[in-house]
Amino acid sequence: YGEGEVVNIPIAHGEGNYYCDEETLRRLKARGQIVFTYEDNPNG
């Protein structure tokens, strides 16, 4: 894939709302562990 590329992948879930505390989120960002993000967040 290209860095920053937007791709079309279907979803099908009722419990897809990813959550973590602020410290965990900080680590995810600092270590580059976030791989995909929604363009139009469907679940919060």
PDB file of all heavy atoms in Angstrom:
ATOM      1  N   TYR A   1       0.843  -1.187   0.000  1.00  0.00           N
ATOM      2  CA  TYR A   1       0.000   0.000   0.000  1.00  0.00           C
ATOM      3  C   TYR A   1       0.880   1.239   0.000  1.00  0.00           C
ATOM      4  O   TYR A   1       2.057   1.178   0.380  1.00  0.00           O
ATOM      5  CB  TYR A   1      -0.907   0.027   1.234  1.00  0.00           C
ATOM      6  CG  TYR A   1      -1.910  -1.087   1.300  1.00  0.00           C
ATOM      7  CD1 TYR A   1      -1.752  -2.147   2.190  1.00  0.00           C
ATOM      8  CD2 TYR A   1      -3.039  -1.091   0.482  1.00  0.00           C
ATOM      9  CE1 TYR A   1      -2.678  -3.174   2.268  1.00  0.00           C
ATOM     10  CE2 TYR A   1      -3.976  -2.120   0.554  1.00  0.00           C
ATOM     11  CZ  TYR A   1      -3.791  -3.155   1.446  1.00  0.00           C
ATOM     12  OH  TYR A   1      -4.709  -4.163   1.518  1.00  0.00           O
ATOM     13  N   GLY A   2       0.311   2.354  -0.376  1.00  0.00           N
ATOM     14  CA  GLY A   2       1.031   3.609  -0.296  1.00  0.00           C
ATOM     15  C   GLY A   2       0.826   4.251   1.063  1.00  0.00           C
ATOM     16  O   GLY A   2      -0.245   4.127   1.663  1.00  0.00           O
ATOM     17  N   GLU A   3       1.848   4.949   1.550  1.00  0.00           N
ATOM     18  CA  GLU A   3       1.716   5.674   2.809  1.00  0.00           C
ATOM     19  C   GLU A   3       0.617   6.728   2.668  1.00  0.00           C
ATOM     20  O   GLU A   3       0.652   7.547   1.754  1.00  0.00           O
ATOM     21  CB  GLU A   3       3.031   6.368   3.164  1.00  0.00           C
ATOM     22  CG  GLU A   3       3.089   6.914   4.572  1.00  0.00           C
ATOM     23  CD  GLU A   3       3.515   5.874   5.592  1.00  0.00           C
ATOM     24  OE1 GLU A   3       4.096   4.846   5.208  1.00  0.00           O
ATOM     25  OE2 GLU A   3       3.254   6.108   6.783  1.00  0.00           O
ATOM     26  N   GLY A   4      -0.364   6.683   3.514  1.00  0.00           N
ATOM     27  CA  GLY A   4      -1.459   7.633   3.446  1.00  0.00           C
ATOM     28  C   GLY A   4      -2.541   7.272   2.441  1.00  0.00           C
ATOM     29  O   GLY A   4      -3.531   8.001   2.311  1.00  0.00           O
ATOM     30  N   GLU A   5      -2.389   6.143   1.765  1.00  0.00           N
ATOM     31  CA  GLU A   5      -3.389   5.723   0.772  1.00  0.00           C
ATOM     32  C   GLU A   5      -4.718   5.393   1.454  1.00  0.00           C
ATOM     33  O   GLU A   5      -4.745   4.807   2.533  1.00  0.00           O
ATOM     34  CB  GLU A   5      -2.888   4.501   0.007  1.00  0.00           C
ATOM     35  CG  GLU A   5      -3.863   3.985  -1.044  1.00  0.00           C
ATOM     36  CD  GLU A   5      -3.352   2.745  -1.778  1.00  0.00           C
ATOM     37  OE1 GLU A   5      -2.222   2.307  -1.488  1.00  0.00           O
ATOM     38  OE2 GLU A   5      -4.094   2.225  -2.621  1.00  0.00           O
ATOM     39  N   VAL A   6      -5.806   5.768   0.824  1.00  0.00           N
ATOM     40  CA  VAL A   6      -7.132   5.426   1.331  1.00  0.00           C
ATOM     41  C   VAL A   6      -7.664   4.242   0.531  1.00  0.00           C
ATOM     42  O   VAL A   6      -7.723   4.291  -0.690  1.00  0.00           O
ATOM     43  CB  VAL A   6      -8.101   6.621   1.229  1.00  0.00           C
ATOM     44  CG1 VAL A   6      -9.507   6.214   1.674  1.00  0.00           C
ATOM     45  CG2 VAL A   6      -7.611   7.784   2.079  1.00  0.00           C
ATOM     46  N   VAL A   7      -8.014   3.178   1.233  1.00  0.00           N
ATOM     47  CA  VAL A   7      -8.494   1.960   0.593  1.00  0.00           C
ATOM     48  C   VAL A   7      -9.903   1.643   1.083  1.00  0.00           C
ATOM     49  O   VAL A   7     -10.343   2.127   2.141  1.00  0.00           O
ATOM     50  CB  VAL A   7      -7.553   0.768   0.871  1.00  0.00           C
ATOM     51  CG1 VAL A   7      -6.193   1.010   0.230  1.00  0.00           C
ATOM     52  CG2 VAL A   7      -7.391   0.535   2.375  1.00  0.00           C
ATOM     53  N   ASN A   8     -10.591   0.826   0.323  1.00  0.00           N
ATOM     54  CA  ASN A   8     -11.986   0.496   0.617  1.00  0.00           C
ATOM     55  C   ASN A   8     -12.074  -0.926   1.167  1.00  0.00           C
ATOM     56  O   ASN A   8     -11.934  -1.896   0.423  1.00  0.00           O
ATOM     57  CB  ASN A   8     -12.824   0.630  -0.654  1.00  0.00           C
ATOM     58  CG  ASN A   8     -14.303   0.411  -0.408  1.00  0.00           C
ATOM     59  OD1 ASN A   8     -14.783   0.537   0.711  1.00  0.00           O
ATOM     60  ND2 ASN A   8     -15.023   0.060  -1.462  1.00  0.00           N
ATOM     61  N   ILE A   9     -12.273  -1.035   2.466  1.00  0.00           N
ATOM     62  CA  ILE A   9     -12.350  -2.336   3.135  1.00  0.00           C
ATOM     63  C   ILE A   9     -13.650  -2.376   3.949  1.00  0.00           C
ATOM     64  O   ILE A   9     -13.885  -1.486   4.773  1.00  0.00           O
ATOM     65  CB  ILE A   9     -11.161  -2.569   4.090  1.00  0.00           C
ATOM     66  CG1 ILE A   9      -9.833  -2.322   3.393  1.00  0.00           C
ATOM     67  CG2 ILE A   9     -11.222  -3.972   4.675  1.00  0.00           C
ATOM     68  CD1 ILE A   9      -9.441  -3.364   2.376  1.00  0.00           C
ATOM     69  N   PRO A  10     -14.510  -3.367   3.768  1.00  0.00           N
ATOM     70  CA  PRO A  10     -15.793  -3.385   4.485  1.00  0.00           C
ATOM     71  C   PRO A  10     -15.648  -3.679   5.971  1.00  0.00           C
ATOM     72  O   PRO A  10     -14.692  -4.320   6.407  1.00  0.00           O
ATOM     73  CB  PRO A  10     -16.573  -4.504   3.778  1.00  0.00           C
ATOM     74  CG  PRO A  10     -15.514  -5.397   3.222  1.00  0.00           C
ATOM     75  CD  PRO A  10     -14.384  -4.498   2.835  1.00  0.00           C
ATOM     76  N   ILE A  11     -16.623  -3.199   6.728  1.00  0.00           N
ATOM     77  CA  ILE A  11     -16.703  -3.501   8.157  1.00  0.00           C
ATOM     78  C   ILE A  11     -17.996  -4.249   8.432  1.00  0.00           C
ATOM     79  O   ILE A  11     -18.952  -4.172   7.659  1.00  0.00           O
ATOM     80  CB  ILE A  11     -16.652  -2.229   9.022  1.00  0.00           C
ATOM     81  CG1 ILE A  11     -17.829  -1.294   8.692  1.00  0.00           C
ATOM     82  CG2 ILE A  11     -15.322  -1.519   8.873  1.00  0.00           C
ATOM     83  CD1 ILE A  11     -17.989  -0.150   9.667  1.00  0.00           C
ATOM     84  N   ALA A  12     -18.036  -4.976   9.542  1.00  0.00           N
ATOM     85  CA  ALA A  12     -19.250  -5.671   9.989  1.00  0.00           C
ATOM     86  C   ALA A  12     -19.076  -5.977  11.467  1.00  0.00           C
ATOM     87  O   ALA A  12     -18.561  -7.027  11.841  1.00  0.00           O
ATOM     88  CB  ALA A  12     -19.478  -6.953   9.195  1.00  0.00           C
ATOM     89  N   HIS A  13     -19.470  -5.029  12.318  1.00  0.00           N
ATOM     90  CA  HIS A  13     -19.256  -5.220  13.752  1.00  0.00           C
ATOM     91  C   HIS A  13     -20.211  -4.392  14.593  1.00  0.00           C
ATOM     92  O   HIS A  13     -20.729  -3.371  14.153  1.00  0.00           O
ATOM     93  CB  HIS A  13     -17.812  -4.882  14.136  1.00  0.00           C
ATOM     94  CG  HIS A  13     -17.406  -3.471  13.794  1.00  0.00           C
ATOM     95  ND1 HIS A  13     -16.518  -3.192  12.786  1.00  0.00           N
ATOM     96  CD2 HIS A  13     -17.762  -2.269  14.320  1.00  0.00           C
ATOM     97  CE1 HIS A  13     -16.340  -1.877  12.714  1.00  0.00           C
ATOM     98  NE2 HIS A  13     -17.090  -1.296  13.644  1.00  0.00           N
ATOM     99  N   GLY A  14     -20.435  -4.869  15.802  1.00  0.00           N
ATOM    100  CA  GLY A  14     -21.230  -4.147  16.779  1.00  0.00           C
ATOM    101  C   GLY A  14     -20.370  -3.607  17.910  1.00  0.00           C
ATOM    102  O   GLY A  14     -20.781  -2.706  18.638  1.00  0.00           O
ATOM    103  N   GLU A  15     -19.162  -4.171  18.058  1.00  0.00           N
ATOM    104  CA  GLU A  15     -18.250  -3.756  19.118  1.00  0.00           C
ATOM    105  C   GLU A  15     -16.870  -3.500  18.529  1.00  0.00           C
ATOM    106  O   GLU A  15     -15.904  -4.199  18.815  1.00  0.00           O
ATOM    107  CB  GLU A  15     -18.205  -4.812  20.224  1.00  0.00           C
ATOM    108  CG  GLU A  15     -19.564  -5.010  20.896  1.00  0.00           C
ATOM    109  CD  GLU A  15     -19.524  -6.006  22.034  1.00  0.00           C
ATOM    110  OE1 GLU A  15     -18.740  -5.799  22.966  1.00  0.00           O
ATOM    111  OE2 GLU A  15     -20.273  -6.988  21.974  1.00  0.00           O
ATOM    112  N   GLY A  16     -16.816  -2.472  17.699  1.00  0.00           N
ATOM    113  CA  GLY A  16     -15.557  -2.129  17.029  1.00  0.00           C
ATOM    114  C   GLY A  16     -14.960  -0.827  17.493  1.00  0.00           C
ATOM    115  O   GLY A  16     -14.031  -0.297  16.888  1.00  0.00           O
ATOM    116  N   ASN A  17     -15.483  -0.305  18.585  1.00  0.00           N
ATOM    117  CA  ASN A  17     -15.065   0.984  19.122  1.00  0.00           C
ATOM    118  C   ASN A  17     -13.766   0.804  19.909  1.00  0.00           C
ATOM    119  O   ASN A  17     -13.781   0.447  21.083  1.00  0.00           O
ATOM    120  CB  ASN A  17     -16.190   1.528  20.010  1.00  0.00           C
ATOM    121  CG  ASN A  17     -15.879   2.866  20.633  1.00  0.00           C
ATOM    122  OD1 ASN A  17     -14.782   3.383  20.512  1.00  0.00           O
ATOM    123  ND2 ASN A  17     -16.853   3.419  21.325  1.00  0.00           N
ATOM    124  N   TYR A  18     -12.624   1.068  19.241  1.00  0.00           N
ATOM    125  CA  TYR A  18     -11.330   0.854  19.902  1.00  0.00           C
ATOM    126  C   TYR A  18     -11.098   1.901  20.976  1.00  0.00           C
ATOM    127  O   TYR A  18     -11.263   3.094  20.743  1.00  0.00           O
ATOM    128  CB  TYR A  18     -10.178   0.891  18.893  1.00  0.00           C
ATOM    129  CG  TYR A  18      -8.834   0.692  19.560  1.00  0.00           C
ATOM    130  CD1 TYR A  18      -8.416  -0.592  19.886  1.00  0.00           C
ATOM    131  CD2 TYR A  18      -8.022   1.772  19.898  1.00  0.00           C
ATOM    132  CE1 TYR A  18      -7.205  -0.800  20.542  1.00  0.00           C
ATOM    133  CE2 TYR A  18      -6.823   1.581  20.554  1.00  0.00           C
ATOM    134  CZ  TYR A  18      -6.410   0.295  20.870  1.00  0.00           C
ATOM    135  OH  TYR A  18      -5.219   0.096  21.534  1.00  0.00           O
ATOM    136  N   TYR A  19     -10.681   1.430  22.151  1.00  0.00           N
ATOM    137  CA  TYR A  19     -10.423   2.341  23.262  1.00  0.00           C
ATOM    138  C   TYR A  19      -9.136   1.953  23.979  1.00  0.00           C
ATOM    139  O   TYR A  19      -8.824   0.765  24.152  1.00  0.00           O
ATOM    140  CB  TYR A  19     -11.577   2.310  24.273  1.00  0.00           C
ATOM    141  CG  TYR A  19     -11.270   3.120  25.504  1.00  0.00           C
ATOM    142  CD1 TYR A  19     -11.402   4.506  25.502  1.00  0.00           C
ATOM    143  CD2 TYR A  19     -10.809   2.492  26.663  1.00  0.00           C
ATOM    144  CE1 TYR A  19     -11.085   5.254  26.622  1.00  0.00           C
ATOM    145  CE2 TYR A  19     -10.483   3.237  27.796  1.00  0.00           C
ATOM    146  CZ  TYR A  19     -10.620   4.614  27.760  1.00  0.00           C
ATOM    147  OH  TYR A  19     -10.292   5.345  28.869  1.00  0.00           O
ATOM    148  N   CYS A  20      -8.403   2.971  24.398  1.00  0.00           N
ATOM    149  CA  CYS A  20      -7.263   2.777  25.287  1.00  0.00           C
ATOM    150  C   CYS A  20      -7.090   4.054  26.104  1.00  0.00           C
ATOM    151  O   CYS A  20      -7.624   5.108  25.744  1.00  0.00           O
ATOM    152  CB  CYS A  20      -5.990   2.453  24.509  1.00  0.00           C
ATOM    153  SG  CYS A  20      -5.453   3.766  23.382  1.00  0.00           S
ATOM    154  N   ASP A  21      -6.361   3.974  27.197  1.00  0.00           N
ATOM    155  CA  ASP A  21      -6.155   5.171  28.016  1.00  0.00           C
ATOM    156  C   ASP A  21      -5.142   6.098  27.341  1.00  0.00           C
ATOM    157  O   ASP A  21      -4.501   5.741  26.345  1.00  0.00           O
ATOM    158  CB  ASP A  21      -5.721   4.796  29.429  1.00  0.00           C
ATOM    159  CG  ASP A  21      -4.427   3.983  29.481  1.00  0.00           C
ATOM    160  OD1 ASP A  21      -3.496   4.277  28.686  1.00  0.00           O
ATOM    161  OD2 ASP A  21      -4.329   3.074  30.308  1.00  0.00           O
ATOM    162  N   GLU A  22      -4.998   7.280  27.884  1.00  0.00           N
ATOM    163  CA  GLU A  22      -4.156   8.297  27.254  1.00  0.00           C
ATOM    164  C   GLU A  22      -2.700   7.877  27.183  1.00  0.00           C
ATOM    165  O   GLU A  22      -2.018   8.160  26.182  1.00  0.00           O
ATOM    166  CB  GLU A  22      -4.291   9.622  28.002  1.00  0.00           C
ATOM    167  CG  GLU A  22      -5.655  10.280  27.848  1.00  0.00           C
ATOM    168  CD  GLU A  22      -5.715  11.650  28.483  1.00  0.00           C
ATOM    169  OE1 GLU A  22      -4.659  12.133  28.968  1.00  0.00           O
ATOM    170  OE2 GLU A  22      -6.803  12.244  28.499  1.00  0.00           O
ATOM    171  N   GLU A  23      -2.201   7.200  28.201  1.00  0.00           N
ATOM    172  CA  GLU A  23      -0.807   6.771  28.194  1.00  0.00           C
ATOM    173  C   GLU A  23      -0.570   5.710  27.114  1.00  0.00           C
ATOM    174  O   GLU A  23       0.440   5.748  26.402  1.00  0.00           O
ATOM    175  CB  GLU A  23      -0.411   6.226  29.566  1.00  0.00           C
ATOM    176  CG  GLU A  23       1.015   5.697  29.656  1.00  0.00           C
ATOM    177  CD  GLU A  23       2.078   6.729  29.296  1.00  0.00           C
ATOM    178  OE1 GLU A  23       1.824   7.941  29.421  1.00  0.00           O
ATOM    179  OE2 GLU A  23       3.166   6.295  28.877  1.00  0.00           O
ATOM    180  N   THR A  24      -1.499   4.769  27.000  1.00  0.00           N
ATOM    181  CA  THR A  24      -1.374   3.750  25.951  1.00  0.00           C
ATOM    182  C   THR A  24      -1.438   4.389  24.574  1.00  0.00           C
ATOM    183  O   THR A  24      -0.664   4.031  23.666  1.00  0.00           O
ATOM    184  CB  THR A  24      -2.485   2.699  26.097  1.00  0.00           C
ATOM    185  OG1 THR A  24      -2.372   2.064  27.366  1.00  0.00           O
ATOM    186  CG2 THR A  24      -2.383   1.633  24.997  1.00  0.00           C
ATOM    187  N   LEU A  25      -2.333   5.342  24.388  1.00  0.00           N
ATOM    188  CA  LEU A  25      -2.439   6.034  23.104  1.00  0.00           C
ATOM    189  C   LEU A  25      -1.154   6.782  22.783  1.00  0.00           C
ATOM    190  O   LEU A  25      -0.691   6.768  21.632  1.00  0.00           O
ATOM    191  CB  LEU A  25      -3.623   7.007  23.135  1.00  0.00           C
ATOM    192  CG  LEU A  25      -3.885   7.792  21.850  1.00  0.00           C
ATOM    193  CD1 LEU A  25      -4.178   6.849  20.685  1.00  0.00           C
ATOM    194  CD2 LEU A  25      -5.039   8.766  22.052  1.00  0.00           C
ATOM    195  N   ARG A  26      -0.575   7.395  23.780  1.00  0.00           N
ATOM    196  CA  ARG A  26       0.690   8.102  23.569  1.00  0.00           C
ATOM    197  C   ARG A  26       1.775   7.136  23.094  1.00  0.00           C
ATOM    198  O   ARG A  26       2.528   7.438  22.166  1.00  0.00           O
ATOM    199  CB  ARG A  26       1.131   8.783  24.868  1.00  0.00           C
ATOM    200  CG  ARG A  26       2.390   9.639  24.716  1.00  0.00           C
ATOM    201  CD  ARG A  26       2.965  10.023  26.072  1.00  0.00           C
ATOM    202  NE  ARG A  26       3.443   8.857  26.800  1.00  0.00           N
ATOM    203  CZ  ARG A  26       4.599   8.252  26.543  1.00  0.00           C
ATOM    204  NH1 ARG A  26       5.381   8.665  25.542  1.00  0.00           N
ATOM    205  NH2 ARG A  26       4.967   7.208  27.253  1.00  0.00           N
ATOM    206  N   ARG A  27       1.828   5.960  23.709  1.00  0.00           N
ATOM    207  CA  ARG A  27       2.819   4.958  23.310  1.00  0.00           C
ATOM    208  C   ARG A  27       2.549   4.448  21.894  1.00  0.00           C
ATOM    209  O   ARG A  27       3.488   4.244  21.109  1.00  0.00           O
ATOM    210  CB  ARG A  27       2.836   3.798  24.302  1.00  0.00           C
ATOM    211  CG  ARG A  27       3.417   4.150  25.661  1.00  0.00           C
ATOM    212  CD  ARG A  27       3.792   2.891  26.428  1.00  0.00           C
ATOM    213  NE  ARG A  27       2.650   2.023  26.654  1.00  0.00           N
ATOM    214  CZ  ARG A  27       1.888   2.061  27.731  1.00  0.00           C
ATOM    215  NH1 ARG A  27       2.131   2.937  28.699  1.00  0.00           N
ATOM    216  NH2 ARG A  27       0.868   1.227  27.864  1.00  0.00           N
ATOM    217  N   LEU A  28       1.281   4.205  21.578  1.00  0.00           N
ATOM    218  CA  LEU A  28       0.939   3.746  20.229  1.00  0.00           C
ATOM    219  C   LEU A  28       1.423   4.735  19.178  1.00  0.00           C
ATOM    220  O   LEU A  28       1.976   4.340  18.143  1.00  0.00           O
ATOM    221  CB  LEU A  28      -0.578   3.571  20.108  1.00  0.00           C
ATOM    222  CG  LEU A  28      -1.225   2.379  20.822  1.00  0.00           C
ATOM    223  CD1 LEU A  28      -2.740   2.453  20.689  1.00  0.00           C
ATOM    224  CD2 LEU A  28      -0.713   1.057  20.253  1.00  0.00           C
ATOM    225  N   LYS A  29       1.221   6.009  19.435  1.00  0.00           N
ATOM    226  CA  LYS A  29       1.648   7.036  18.490  1.00  0.00           C
ATOM    227  C   LYS A  29       3.171   7.121  18.425  1.00  0.00           C
ATOM    228  O   LYS A  29       3.753   7.184  17.334  1.00  0.00           O
ATOM    229  CB  LYS A  29       1.068   8.395  18.891  1.00  0.00           C
ATOM    230  CG  LYS A  29      -0.430   8.521  18.711  1.00  0.00           C
ATOM    231  CD  LYS A  29      -0.896   9.907  19.153  1.00  0.00           C
ATOM    232  CE  LYS A  29      -2.361  10.129  18.886  1.00  0.00           C
ATOM    233  NZ  LYS A  29      -2.807  11.480  19.332  1.00  0.00           N
ATOM    234  N   ALA A  30       3.814   7.116  19.578  1.00  0.00           N
ATOM    235  CA  ALA A  30       5.263   7.266  19.636  1.00  0.00           C
ATOM    236  C   ALA A  30       5.979   6.098  18.968  1.00  0.00           C
ATOM    237  O   ALA A  30       7.041   6.281  18.343  1.00  0.00           O
ATOM    238  CB  ALA A  30       5.718   7.392  21.094  1.00  0.00           C
ATOM    239  N   ARG A  31       5.395   4.914  19.067  1.00  0.00           N
ATOM    240  CA  ARG A  31       6.034   3.714  18.519  1.00  0.00           C
ATOM    241  C   ARG A  31       5.509   3.345  17.142  1.00  0.00           C
ATOM    242  O   ARG A  31       5.885   2.311  16.588  1.00  0.00           O
ATOM    243  CB  ARG A  31       5.837   2.548  19.486  1.00  0.00           C
ATOM    244  CG  ARG A  31       6.494   2.786  20.843  1.00  0.00           C
ATOM    245  CD  ARG A  31       6.058   1.789  21.891  1.00  0.00           C
ATOM    246  NE  ARG A  31       6.681   2.061  23.175  1.00  0.00           N
ATOM    247  CZ  ARG A  31       6.375   1.443  24.308  1.00  0.00           C
ATOM    248  NH1 ARG A  31       5.423   0.516  24.310  1.00  0.00           N
ATOM    249  NH2 ARG A  31       6.984   1.746  25.438  1.00  0.00           N
ATOM    250  N   GLY A  32       4.641   4.173  16.594  1.00  0.00           N
ATOM    251  CA  GLY A  32       4.131   3.931  15.246  1.00  0.00           C
ATOM    252  C   GLY A  32       3.303   2.676  15.125  1.00  0.00           C
ATOM    253  O   GLY A  32       3.339   1.995  14.100  1.00  0.00           O
ATOM    254  N   GLN A  33       2.498   2.368  16.154  1.00  0.00           N
ATOM    255  CA  GLN A  33       1.725   1.129  16.133  1.00  0.00           C
ATOM    256  C   GLN A  33       0.334   1.293  15.518  1.00  0.00           C
ATOM    257  O   GLN A  33      -0.373   0.312  15.341  1.00  0.00           O
ATOM    258  CB  GLN A  33       1.596   0.564  17.549  1.00  0.00           C
ATOM    259  CG  GLN A  33       2.900   0.031  18.114  1.00  0.00           C
ATOM    260  CD  GLN A  33       2.755  -0.430  19.550  1.00  0.00           C
ATOM    261  OE1 GLN A  33       3.303   0.173  20.471  1.00  0.00           O
ATOM    262  NE2 GLN A  33       2.017  -1.517  19.755  1.00  0.00           N
ATOM    263  N   ILE A  34      -0.059   2.504  15.212  1.00  0.00           N
ATOM    264  CA  ILE A  34      -1.337   2.722  14.540  1.00  0.00           C
ATOM    265  C   ILE A  34      -1.139   2.492  13.048  1.00  0.00           C
ATOM    266  O   ILE A  34      -0.389   3.205  12.391  1.00  0.00           O
ATOM    267  CB  ILE A  34      -1.872   4.140  14.801  1.00  0.00           C
ATOM    268  CG1 ILE A  34      -2.080   4.359  16.301  1.00  0.00           C
ATOM    269  CG2 ILE A  34      -3.185   4.363  14.045  1.00  0.00           C
ATOM    270  CD1 ILE A  34      -2.463   5.780  16.672  1.00  0.00           C
ATOM    271  N   VAL A  35      -1.797   1.478  12.498  1.00  0.00           N
ATOM    272  CA  VAL A  35      -1.567   1.060  11.111  1.00  0.00           C
ATOM    273  C   VAL A  35      -2.671   1.554  10.181  1.00  0.00           C
ATOM    274  O   VAL A  35      -2.408   1.952   9.045  1.00  0.00           O
ATOM    275  CB  VAL A  35      -1.442  -0.475  11.027  1.00  0.00           C
ATOM    276  CG1 VAL A  35      -1.205  -0.926   9.588  1.00  0.00           C
ATOM    277  CG2 VAL A  35      -0.301  -0.960  11.918  1.00  0.00           C
ATOM    278  N   PHE A  36      -3.929   1.521  10.648  1.00  0.00           N
ATOM    279  CA  PHE A  36      -5.069   1.969   9.840  1.00  0.00           C
ATOM    280  C   PHE A  36      -5.945   2.919  10.654  1.00  0.00           C
ATOM    281  O   PHE A  36      -6.152   2.707  11.856  1.00  0.00           O
ATOM    282  CB  PHE A  36      -5.937   0.787   9.391  1.00  0.00           C
ATOM    283  CG  PHE A  36      -5.264  -0.163   8.451  1.00  0.00           C
ATOM    284  CD1 PHE A  36      -4.896  -1.434   8.873  1.00  0.00           C
ATOM    285  CD2 PHE A  36      -5.016   0.196   7.134  1.00  0.00           C
ATOM    286  CE1 PHE A  36      -4.287  -2.318   8.006  1.00  0.00           C
ATOM    287  CE2 PHE A  36      -4.402  -0.689   6.261  1.00  0.00           C
ATOM    288  CZ  PHE A  36      -4.039  -1.948   6.694  1.00  0.00           C
ATOM    289  N   THR A  37      -6.477   3.933   9.979  1.00  0.00           N
ATOM    290  CA  THR A  37      -7.453   4.832  10.613  1.00  0.00           C
ATOM    291  C   THR A  37      -8.655   4.995   9.687  1.00  0.00           C
ATOM    292  O   THR A  37      -8.533   4.895   8.468  1.00  0.00           O
ATOM    293  CB  THR A  37      -6.853   6.215  10.907  1.00  0.00           C
ATOM    294  OG1 THR A  37      -6.376   6.798   9.679  1.00  0.00           O
ATOM    295  CG2 THR A  37      -5.710   6.125  11.903  1.00  0.00           C
ATOM    296  N   TYR A  38      -9.819   5.243  10.299  1.00  0.00           N
ATOM    297  CA  TYR A  38     -11.035   5.469   9.521  1.00  0.00           C
ATOM    298  C   TYR A  38     -11.048   6.888   8.961  1.00  0.00           C
ATOM    299  O   TYR A  38     -10.651   7.841   9.643  1.00  0.00           O
ATOM    300  CB  TYR A  38     -12.272   5.285  10.396  1.00  0.00           C
ATOM    301  CG  TYR A  38     -12.483   3.898  10.921  1.00  0.00           C
ATOM    302  CD1 TYR A  38     -12.297   3.611  12.263  1.00  0.00           C
ATOM    303  CD2 TYR A  38     -12.891   2.872  10.079  1.00  0.00           C
ATOM    304  CE1 TYR A  38     -12.502   2.331  12.761  1.00  0.00           C
ATOM    305  CE2 TYR A  38     -13.098   1.591  10.560  1.00  0.00           C
ATOM    306  CZ  TYR A  38     -12.894   1.324  11.900  1.00  0.00           C
ATOM    307  OH  TYR A  38     -13.095   0.056  12.387  1.00  0.00           O
ATOM    308  N   GLU A  39     -11.516   7.023   7.742  1.00  0.00           N
ATOM    309  CA  GLU A  39     -11.753   8.334   7.170  1.00  0.00           C
ATOM    310  C   GLU A  39     -13.057   8.929   7.699  1.00  0.00           C
ATOM    311  O   GLU A  39     -13.178  10.133   7.865  1.00  0.00           O
ATOM    312  CB  GLU A  39     -11.805   8.239   5.640  1.00  0.00           C
ATOM    313  CG  GLU A  39     -10.458   8.021   4.981  1.00  0.00           C
ATOM    314  CD  GLU A  39      -9.558   9.240   5.128  1.00  0.00           C
ATOM    315  OE1 GLU A  39      -9.705  10.197   4.336  1.00  0.00           O
ATOM    316  OE2 GLU A  39      -8.710   9.244   6.047  1.00  0.00           O
ATOM    317  N   ASP A  40     -14.027   8.079   7.931  1.00  0.00           N
ATOM    318  CA  ASP A  40     -15.323   8.504   8.470  1.00  0.00           C
ATOM    319  C   ASP A  40     -15.660   7.533   9.594  1.00  0.00           C
ATOM    320  O   ASP A  40     -16.274   6.493   9.366  1.00  0.00           O
ATOM    321  CB  ASP A  40     -16.394   8.485   7.378  1.00  0.00           C
ATOM    322  CG  ASP A  40     -17.737   8.992   7.862  1.00  0.00           C
ATOM    323  OD1 ASP A  40     -17.784   9.594   8.953  1.00  0.00           O
ATOM    324  OD2 ASP A  40     -18.740   8.773   7.158  1.00  0.00           O
ATOM    325  N   ASN A  41     -15.245   7.883  10.794  1.00  0.00           N
ATOM    326  CA  ASN A  41     -15.306   6.976  11.938  1.00  0.00           C
ATOM    327  C   ASN A  41     -16.715   6.414  12.140  1.00  0.00           C
ATOM    328  O   ASN A  41     -17.641   7.151  12.459  1.00  0.00           O
ATOM    329  CB  ASN A  41     -14.853   7.719  13.197  1.00  0.00           C
ATOM    330  CG  ASN A  41     -14.565   6.788  14.362  1.00  0.00           C
ATOM    331  OD1 ASN A  41     -15.187   5.752  14.500  1.00  0.00           O
ATOM    332  ND2 ASN A  41     -13.624   7.170  15.199  1.00  0.00           N
ATOM    333  N   PRO A  42     -16.904   5.084  11.982  1.00  0.00           N
ATOM    334  CA  PRO A  42     -18.248   4.503  12.077  1.00  0.00           C
ATOM    335  C   PRO A  42     -18.632   4.023  13.469  1.00  0.00           C
ATOM    336  O   PRO A  42     -19.774   3.617  13.686  1.00  0.00           O
ATOM    337  CB  PRO A  42     -18.152   3.311  11.120  1.00  0.00           C
ATOM    338  CG  PRO A  42     -16.739   2.837  11.299  1.00  0.00           C
ATOM    339  CD  PRO A  42     -15.912   4.092  11.539  1.00  0.00           C
ATOM    340  N   ASN A  43     -17.664   4.002  14.405  1.00  0.00           N
ATOM    341  CA  ASN A  43     -17.943   3.346  15.684  1.00  0.00           C
ATOM    342  C   ASN A  43     -17.497   4.113  16.921  1.00  0.00           C
ATOM    343  O   ASN A  43     -17.740   3.672  18.031  1.00  0.00           O
ATOM    344  CB  ASN A  43     -17.311   1.949  15.689  1.00  0.00           C
ATOM    345  CG  ASN A  43     -15.839   1.991  15.289  1.00  0.00           C
ATOM    346  OD1 ASN A  43     -15.107   2.893  15.670  1.00  0.00           O
ATOM    347  ND2 ASN A  43     -15.417   1.002  14.512  1.00  0.00           N
ATOM    348  N   GLY A  44     -16.815   5.236  16.734  1.00  0.00           N
ATOM    349  CA  GLY A  44     -16.364   6.031  17.867  1.00  0.00           C
ATOM    350  C   GLY A  44     -14.966   5.717  18.346  1.00  0.00           C
ATOM    351  O   GLY A  44     -14.541   6.206  19.402  1.00  0.00           O
TER     352      GLY A  44
END
